Amino acid sequence: APATAAPGDLDPSFGAAGQTSFRLSFHERVQEGEPATVAFPGDGDIELMGTATPPSGSAWRMFAARLQEDGALDPTFGSGGTVITRLPPEEEETNTIPIQSIFAGALEADGAMVGVGPRVEGRLSAAGAFDPSFRNQLQMNAFALVGLPDGQMLAAGETPTEGEVARYPTLERLLADGAPDPSFGTEGIVRLPDRAGPTARESARSILLLPDGELLLAGIGEVPGEQFGWLAEVTATGSLDRSFGDEGVDYVPAKTPFQGETGVSVARGPDGTIVLAGTASVGGEDWQAAAWGFLPDGAPDPAFGSDGVLLLPRVLPEESAESVTSTADNSGYVYVDFHQSQSSYVARLTPSGALDATYGDDGLASFPTARIE
């Protein structure tokens, strides 16, 4: 809908002066919510999904909320606009504590929402009802999810080895009921090659479905003394596309040290160029939000930013860039940085990796984090 604010300003028609907040409760206990994904089911609605936990941190459960276009909770969704998954009665009676941390979600064609996390998955109907027929356990730790044209879904993340010393980037394809697709890899699982070594730890954290059916992945990794980001293109069967990057994988250039603890996200422009958003180590224990540009074949794009990388101006200490997307008009990229205890900000980049001076304050729009007192 048309907005009355300038680009980068909070929209006063949404919530209270551009922000909205709401309470979560489970069995009349206040919960803290950490959204992991946002989706748009239609009619201007906004659906959030993530993890809810009591302030003591003793349990983790999937939660979702649906907002109307004006920022108000949708009373037709769940219970007054929000829903938190409930355990089956037999588990409630034994006080079993669920571990349902949700890191990613995706909308289905019928408006249902699927969420995934470390060895957990679940589905909520379009009305916000928990679907007990959908499997609730993955074979891996999932951090990203994408819907496929045939109605299936593909989760991306990692599989830890015994003892969890090494971790390997992993894909798991899911059937409509959440079960692994036996025709994909080995019993639904494909483990991608990673940097050699028994102590290597790699994880896929972002996934895009490309127009030709292939998949673009971004992830983080660590070997003793080094953290790094990586980008890979895989076929629909889960094998590396050897024409991309270096035999299917491209690592974030070593000239800009990567800070892998904060995550990574990937976006692709209409011309096939790629932007990876993450965090660069800038000396000692300091880090800074950064974006790296790549050509369609996975080679670093020297025309992006400064020789392939853009370090964004600091608004807050210890900033990171964990979410990036192409703009709706395909004229650049937008990434969001969130600091729960301080504030949030949005940056708009041009396709060449420069801040868009027409947006916000020279390309950056910051605002205090909405809080419930």
Protein backbone atom coordinates (compact mmCIF):
# COMPACT_ATOMS: atom_id res chain seq x y z
CA ALA A 1 0.00 0.00 0.00
CA PRO A 2 1.19 3.59 -0.55
CA ALA A 3 3.24 4.90 2.35
CA THR A 4 3.24 8.49 3.57
CA ALA A 5 6.84 8.42 4.80
CA ALA A 6 10.07 9.02 2.89
CA PRO A 7 12.20 6.02 1.85
CA GLY A 8 13.89 4.65 4.97
CA ASP A 9 11.49 6.30 7.43
CA LEU A 10 9.25 4.19 9.62
CA ASP A 11 5.74 3.96 8.11
CA PRO A 12 3.37 5.78 10.50
CA SER A 13 0.39 3.78 9.19
CA PHE A 14 1.89 0.58 10.66
CA GLY A 15 1.43 -0.14 14.37
CA ALA A 16 2.42 2.77 16.62
CA ALA A 17 4.57 5.20 14.63
CA GLY A 18 5.87 2.39 12.41
CA GLN A 19 6.48 -0.33 15.01
CA THR A 20 4.36 -3.01 16.64
CA SER A 21 4.90 -5.40 19.54
CA PHE A 22 2.79 -8.04 21.24
CA ARG A 23 2.90 -10.47 24.15
CA LEU A 24 3.38 -14.22 23.96
CA SER A 25 2.16 -16.61 26.64
CA PHE A 26 2.01 -20.37 27.13
CA HIS A 27 -0.15 -21.83 29.90
CA GLU A 28 -0.49 -18.24 31.15
CA ARG A 29 3.28 -17.87 31.42
CA VAL A 30 4.90 -14.96 29.60
CA GLN A 31 7.28 -16.10 26.86
CA GLU A 32 10.15 -14.40 25.09
CA GLY A 33 9.87 -14.67 21.32
CA GLU A 34 12.74 -14.73 18.84
CA PRO A 35 11.44 -14.58 15.26
CA ALA A 36 13.46 -16.56 12.73
CA THR A 37 11.55 -15.95 9.51
CA VAL A 38 8.94 -13.66 8.00
CA ALA A 39 6.45 -14.53 5.25
CA PHE A 40 3.62 -12.82 3.40
CA PRO A 41 0.56 -15.09 3.04
CA GLY A 42 -1.48 -12.50 1.12
CA ASP A 43 -3.90 -9.61 1.66
CA GLY A 44 -1.09 -7.56 3.22
CA ASP A 45 -0.69 -9.96 6.15
CA ILE A 46 2.70 -10.64 7.72
CA GLU A 47 3.47 -13.95 9.38
CA LEU A 48 6.34 -14.48 11.80
CA MET A 49 7.69 -17.83 12.98
CA GLY A 50 10.44 -18.59 15.47
CA THR A 51 11.20 -19.81 18.96
CA ALA A 52 9.40 -19.00 22.22
CA THR A 53 10.95 -19.62 25.61
CA PRO A 54 10.11 -18.57 29.17
CA PRO A 55 12.46 -15.98 30.70
CA SER A 56 14.20 -18.76 32.62
CA GLY A 57 15.09 -20.41 29.33
CA SER A 58 13.93 -23.85 30.46
CA ALA A 59 11.99 -24.82 27.30
CA TRP A 60 11.90 -23.98 23.63
CA ARG A 61 8.80 -24.18 21.47
CA MET A 62 7.76 -23.14 17.98
CA PHE A 63 5.70 -19.97 17.86
CA ALA A 64 4.01 -18.03 15.09
CA ALA A 65 2.12 -14.76 14.85
CA ARG A 66 0.16 -13.15 12.06
CA LEU A 67 -0.14 -9.39 11.71
CA GLN A 68 -2.59 -7.50 9.57
CA GLU A 69 -1.40 -4.83 7.17
CA ASP A 70 -1.71 -2.14 9.85
CA GLY A 71 0.43 -4.11 12.33
CA ALA A 72 -2.43 -5.39 14.51
CA LEU A 73 -2.59 -9.09 15.38
CA ASP A 74 -4.95 -11.08 13.16
CA PRO A 75 -7.62 -12.46 15.55
CA THR A 76 -8.51 -15.27 13.12
CA PHE A 77 -5.03 -16.80 13.43
CA GLY A 78 -4.20 -19.18 16.27
CA SER A 79 -5.39 -17.75 19.59
CA GLY A 80 -5.91 -14.05 19.08
CA GLY A 81 -3.16 -13.81 16.46
CA THR A 82 -0.43 -15.97 18.00
CA VAL A 83 0.18 -19.68 18.53
CA ILE A 84 2.75 -21.68 20.51
CA THR A 85 2.98 -25.41 19.93
CA ARG A 86 1.66 -27.65 22.69
CA LEU A 87 3.10 -31.03 23.57
CA PRO A 88 0.93 -34.14 23.35
CA PRO A 89 -0.91 -34.81 26.66
CA GLU A 90 1.27 -37.75 27.64
CA GLU A 91 4.37 -35.59 27.46
CA GLU A 92 2.72 -32.73 29.35
CA GLU A 93 1.92 -35.16 32.17
CA THR A 94 5.54 -36.25 32.50
CA ASN A 95 6.80 -32.64 32.26
CA THR A 96 9.01 -33.47 29.30
CA ILE A 97 10.79 -30.31 28.15
CA PRO A 98 10.69 -29.91 24.36
CA ILE A 99 13.61 -28.64 22.32
CA GLN A 100 12.03 -26.91 19.35
CA SER A 101 14.36 -24.10 18.35
CA ILE A 102 13.18 -22.78 14.97
CA PHE A 103 15.75 -21.18 12.66
CA ALA A 104 13.88 -21.00 9.33
CA GLY A 105 10.44 -21.33 7.79
CA ALA A 106 8.66 -21.33 4.45
CA LEU A 107 5.10 -20.87 3.22
CA GLU A 108 3.27 -23.63 1.40
CA ALA A 109 0.82 -23.05 -1.46
CA ASP A 110 -2.20 -23.46 0.84
CA GLY A 111 -0.91 -20.84 3.29
CA ALA A 112 0.45 -23.35 5.80
CA MET A 113 3.86 -22.56 7.31
CA VAL A 114 6.63 -25.08 7.91
CA GLY A 115 9.40 -24.35 10.40
CA VAL A 116 12.70 -26.17 10.89
CA GLY A 117 15.57 -26.15 13.37
CA PRO A 118 18.15 -28.51 14.89
CA ARG A 119 16.60 -31.95 14.33
CA VAL A 120 13.08 -30.53 14.53
CA GLU A 121 10.36 -29.56 12.08
CA GLY A 122 6.69 -28.68 12.32
CA ARG A 123 3.79 -27.28 10.34
CA LEU A 124 1.10 -24.77 11.21
CA SER A 125 -2.04 -24.55 9.08
CA ALA A 126 -3.10 -21.30 7.44
CA ALA A 127 -5.36 -20.77 10.46
CA GLY A 128 -2.50 -21.29 12.92
CA ALA A 129 -3.36 -24.85 14.03
CA PHE A 130 -0.51 -27.26 14.75
CA ASP A 131 -0.55 -30.19 12.28
CA PRO A 132 -0.03 -33.44 14.25
CA SER A 133 0.23 -35.49 11.03
CA PHE A 134 3.45 -33.71 10.01
CA ARG A 135 6.66 -35.33 11.18
CA ASN A 136 8.49 -33.40 13.89
CA GLN A 137 12.04 -34.67 13.58
CA LEU A 138 14.73 -34.03 10.99
CA GLN A 139 17.88 -36.07 10.51
CA MET A 140 20.10 -32.97 10.78
CA ASN A 141 20.40 -29.49 12.25
CA ALA A 142 18.50 -27.21 9.84
CA PHE A 143 19.10 -23.46 9.50
CA ALA A 144 17.48 -22.70 6.10
CA LEU A 145 14.42 -23.90 4.19
CA VAL A 146 13.04 -23.40 0.68
CA GLY A 147 9.88 -24.62 -1.03
CA LEU A 148 10.22 -26.60 -4.27
CA PRO A 149 7.88 -26.42 -7.29
CA ASP A 150 6.54 -29.96 -6.68
CA GLY A 151 5.32 -29.07 -3.19
CA GLN A 152 8.26 -30.63 -1.41
CA MET A 153 10.74 -28.65 0.67
CA LEU A 154 14.51 -28.62 0.98
CA ALA A 155 16.20 -27.93 4.30
CA ALA A 156 19.86 -26.93 4.58
CA GLY A 157 22.15 -27.06 7.59
CA GLU A 158 24.68 -29.46 9.05
CA THR A 159 25.18 -32.98 10.31
CA PRO A 160 27.50 -33.38 13.29
CA THR A 161 29.77 -36.38 13.52
CA GLU A 162 29.92 -38.54 16.61
CA GLY A 163 31.27 -36.37 19.40
CA GLU A 164 30.40 -33.32 17.26
CA VAL A 165 34.01 -32.42 16.49
CA ALA A 166 33.38 -32.07 12.76
CA ARG A 167 30.23 -30.74 11.09
CA TYR A 168 29.35 -31.12 7.42
CA PRO A 169 27.07 -28.97 5.22
CA THR A 170 23.95 -31.02 4.57
CA LEU A 171 20.71 -30.98 2.56
CA GLU A 172 17.52 -32.89 3.40
CA ARG A 173 14.56 -33.03 1.01
CA LEU A 174 11.15 -33.42 2.63
CA LEU A 175 7.96 -34.98 1.31
CA ALA A 176 4.59 -33.32 1.88
CA ASP A 177 4.23 -34.98 5.31
CA GLY A 178 7.71 -33.97 6.44
CA ALA A 179 9.24 -37.41 5.87
CA PRO A 180 12.61 -37.56 4.08
CA ASP A 181 12.40 -38.14 0.32
CA PRO A 182 14.06 -41.56 -0.27
CA SER A 183 14.84 -40.65 -3.90
CA PHE A 184 17.13 -37.81 -2.80
CA GLY A 185 20.69 -38.75 -1.88
CA THR A 186 20.85 -41.40 0.83
CA GLU A 187 17.45 -41.71 2.52
CA GLY A 188 16.73 -38.06 1.82
CA ILE A 189 20.13 -36.71 2.87
CA VAL A 190 22.99 -35.25 0.82
CA ARG A 191 26.19 -34.31 2.64
CA LEU A 192 28.25 -31.82 0.64
CA PRO A 193 32.04 -31.92 0.40
CA ASP A 194 33.83 -29.52 2.70
CA ARG A 195 37.36 -28.44 3.48
CA ALA A 196 39.38 -31.50 4.34
CA GLY A 197 40.34 -32.27 7.91
CA PRO A 198 38.91 -34.13 10.90
CA THR A 199 38.25 -30.88 12.80
CA ALA A 200 36.50 -28.97 9.99
CA ARG A 201 33.14 -27.49 10.95
CA GLU A 202 30.90 -26.26 8.12
CA SER A 203 27.23 -25.40 8.01
CA ALA A 204 24.78 -24.22 5.32
CA ARG A 205 22.84 -21.17 6.53
CA SER A 206 21.05 -19.67 3.49
CA ILE A 207 19.44 -21.20 0.40
CA LEU A 208 17.89 -19.86 -2.83
CA LEU A 209 16.00 -21.76 -5.53
CA LEU A 210 17.25 -20.61 -8.95
CA PRO A 211 15.04 -20.32 -12.07
CA ASP A 212 16.69 -23.38 -13.67
CA GLY A 213 15.93 -25.57 -10.65
CA GLU A 214 19.43 -25.49 -9.20
CA LEU A 215 20.10 -24.19 -5.69
CA LEU A 216 22.41 -21.49 -4.41
CA LEU A 217 23.77 -22.11 -0.92
CA ALA A 218 25.74 -19.95 1.48
CA GLY A 219 27.30 -21.08 4.71
CA ILE A 220 29.93 -20.63 7.36
CA GLY A 221 32.90 -22.74 8.36
CA GLU A 222 35.77 -23.03 10.75
CA VAL A 223 39.08 -24.83 10.90
CA PRO A 224 41.67 -24.28 13.64
CA GLY A 225 42.73 -20.65 13.48
CA GLU A 226 40.38 -19.60 10.66
CA GLN A 227 36.72 -18.77 10.12
CA PHE A 228 35.32 -18.42 6.61
CA GLY A 229 32.17 -18.05 4.54
CA TRP A 230 31.37 -20.05 1.45
CA LEU A 231 29.06 -20.07 -1.54
CA ALA A 232 28.03 -23.14 -3.57
CA GLU A 233 25.67 -24.06 -6.39
CA VAL A 234 24.11 -27.52 -6.42
CA THR A 235 21.87 -29.35 -8.87
CA ALA A 236 18.34 -30.51 -8.10
CA THR A 237 19.81 -33.88 -7.09
CA GLY A 238 22.15 -32.27 -4.55
CA SER A 239 25.44 -32.64 -6.41
CA LEU A 240 27.82 -29.71 -6.79
CA ASP A 241 27.64 -27.80 -10.07
CA ARG A 242 31.31 -28.00 -11.03
CA SER A 243 30.98 -25.04 -13.43
CA PHE A 244 30.41 -22.72 -10.48
CA GLY A 245 33.29 -21.21 -8.51
CA ASP A 246 36.11 -23.63 -7.80
CA GLU A 247 34.58 -27.01 -8.65
CA GLY A 248 31.21 -25.93 -7.27
CA VAL A 249 32.30 -23.92 -4.21
CA ASP A 250 33.68 -20.43 -3.73
CA TYR A 251 35.13 -19.27 -0.42
CA VAL A 252 34.90 -15.70 0.83
CA PRO A 253 38.17 -14.00 -0.16
CA ALA A 254 40.83 -14.39 2.51
CA LYS A 255 41.88 -10.73 2.09
CA THR A 256 38.78 -9.78 4.10
CA PRO A 257 38.78 -12.09 7.15
CA PHE A 258 35.34 -13.55 7.83
CA GLN A 259 33.62 -13.66 11.21
CA GLY A 260 31.55 -16.84 11.03
CA GLU A 261 29.83 -16.84 14.40
CA THR A 262 27.07 -14.46 13.34
CA GLY A 263 25.70 -16.21 10.25
CA VAL A 264 25.44 -15.44 6.54
CA SER A 265 22.78 -14.79 3.90
CA VAL A 266 22.72 -14.80 0.09
CA ALA A 267 20.75 -12.91 -2.57
CA ARG A 268 20.81 -12.98 -6.37
CA GLY A 269 20.07 -10.13 -8.77
CA PRO A 270 18.14 -10.39 -12.05
CA ASP A 271 21.41 -10.41 -14.01
CA GLY A 272 22.65 -13.43 -12.06
CA THR A 273 25.14 -11.54 -9.91
CA ILE A 274 25.27 -12.66 -6.28
CA VAL A 275 25.68 -10.88 -2.96
CA LEU A 276 26.69 -12.65 0.21
CA ALA A 277 26.04 -10.71 3.42
CA GLY A 278 27.92 -11.53 6.59
CA THR A 279 30.47 -10.16 8.98
CA ALA A 280 34.10 -9.26 8.47
CA SER A 281 36.74 -9.41 11.15
CA VAL A 282 38.41 -6.01 11.29
CA GLY A 283 41.11 -6.64 13.85
CA GLY A 284 41.29 -8.26 17.25
CA GLU A 285 37.81 -9.09 18.54
CA ASP A 286 36.12 -6.35 16.49
CA TRP A 287 33.86 -7.11 13.54
CA GLN A 288 31.79 -5.16 11.05
CA ALA A 289 28.83 -5.82 8.74
CA ALA A 290 30.00 -6.61 5.21
CA ALA A 291 28.78 -7.72 1.78
CA TRP A 292 30.71 -9.62 -0.87
CA GLY A 293 29.87 -9.57 -4.59
CA PHE A 294 30.16 -12.52 -6.98
CA LEU A 295 29.62 -12.96 -10.70
CA PRO A 296 27.02 -15.49 -11.95
CA ASP A 297 29.72 -18.16 -12.30
CA GLY A 298 30.82 -17.76 -8.68
CA ALA A 299 33.95 -15.73 -9.36
CA PRO A 300 34.49 -12.67 -7.11
CA ASP A 301 33.06 -9.51 -8.70
CA PRO A 302 35.83 -6.87 -8.65
CA ALA A 303 33.31 -4.15 -9.61
CA PHE A 304 31.29 -4.68 -6.43
CA GLY A 305 32.11 -2.35 -3.56
CA SER A 306 35.86 -2.00 -3.22
CA ASP A 307 37.50 -4.84 -5.13
CA GLY A 308 34.62 -7.21 -4.40
CA VAL A 309 33.68 -6.31 -0.82
CA LEU A 310 31.76 -3.54 0.95
CA LEU A 311 32.34 -2.81 4.63
CA LEU A 312 29.25 -0.99 5.84
CA PRO A 313 29.54 2.07 8.08
CA ARG A 314 29.19 1.32 11.75
CA VAL A 315 26.00 2.40 13.44
CA LEU A 316 26.44 0.20 16.50
CA PRO A 317 29.41 -1.70 17.92
CA GLU A 318 29.88 -5.31 16.80
CA GLU A 319 27.51 -5.18 13.86
CA SER A 320 26.65 -8.10 11.59
CA ALA A 321 24.64 -8.58 8.41
CA GLU A 322 22.60 -11.74 8.59
CA SER A 323 19.70 -11.09 6.20
CA VAL A 324 19.89 -9.87 2.61
CA THR A 325 17.44 -9.83 -0.29
CA SER A 326 17.06 -8.33 -3.74
CA THR A 327 14.86 -5.25 -3.83
CA ALA A 328 11.35 -5.64 -5.22
CA ASP A 329 12.21 -3.56 -8.29
CA ASN A 330 15.49 -5.45 -8.85
CA SER A 331 17.47 -2.22 -8.49
CA GLY A 332 19.78 -3.37 -5.71
CA TYR A 333 19.94 -5.18 -2.39
CA VAL A 334 18.61 -4.61 1.11
CA TYR A 335 19.98 -6.13 4.28
CA VAL A 336 18.75 -5.93 7.83
CA ASP A 337 20.73 -5.97 11.07
CA PHE A 338 18.99 -6.54 14.38
CA HIS A 339 20.25 -5.88 17.91
CA GLN A 340 17.68 -7.04 20.42
CA SER A 341 18.98 -4.94 23.31
CA GLN A 342 19.72 -1.80 21.30
CA SER A 343 18.30 -1.03 17.88
CA SER A 344 17.88 -2.24 14.33
CA TYR A 345 18.86 -0.84 11.00
CA VAL A 346 18.33 -1.41 7.31
CA ALA A 347 20.81 -0.65 4.53
CA ARG A 348 19.98 -0.32 0.86
CA LEU A 349 22.73 -1.08 -1.63
CA THR A 350 22.97 -0.38 -5.34
CA PRO A 351 23.79 -3.32 -7.66
CA SER A 352 27.42 -2.15 -7.71
CA GLY A 353 27.79 -2.47 -3.94
CA ALA A 354 27.47 1.16 -2.86
CA LEU A 355 25.08 2.58 -0.29
CA ASP A 356 21.99 4.07 -1.95
CA ALA A 357 22.11 7.72 -0.88
CA THR A 358 18.41 8.20 -1.68
CA TYR A 359 17.43 5.83 1.14
CA GLY A 360 17.38 6.81 4.81
CA ASP A 361 20.50 8.65 5.96
CA ASP A 362 22.94 8.13 3.07
CA GLY A 363 21.77 4.55 2.60
CA LEU A 364 21.12 3.56 6.21
CA ALA A 365 17.88 3.68 8.20
CA SER A 366 18.11 2.96 11.92
CA PHE A 367 15.45 2.83 14.61
CA PRO A 368 15.17 1.71 18.25
CA THR A 369 14.08 -1.85 18.88
CA ALA A 370 10.40 -2.15 19.78
CA ARG A 371 10.05 -3.46 23.31
CA ILE A 372 7.19 -4.49 25.60
CA GLU A 373 7.45 -2.90 29.04
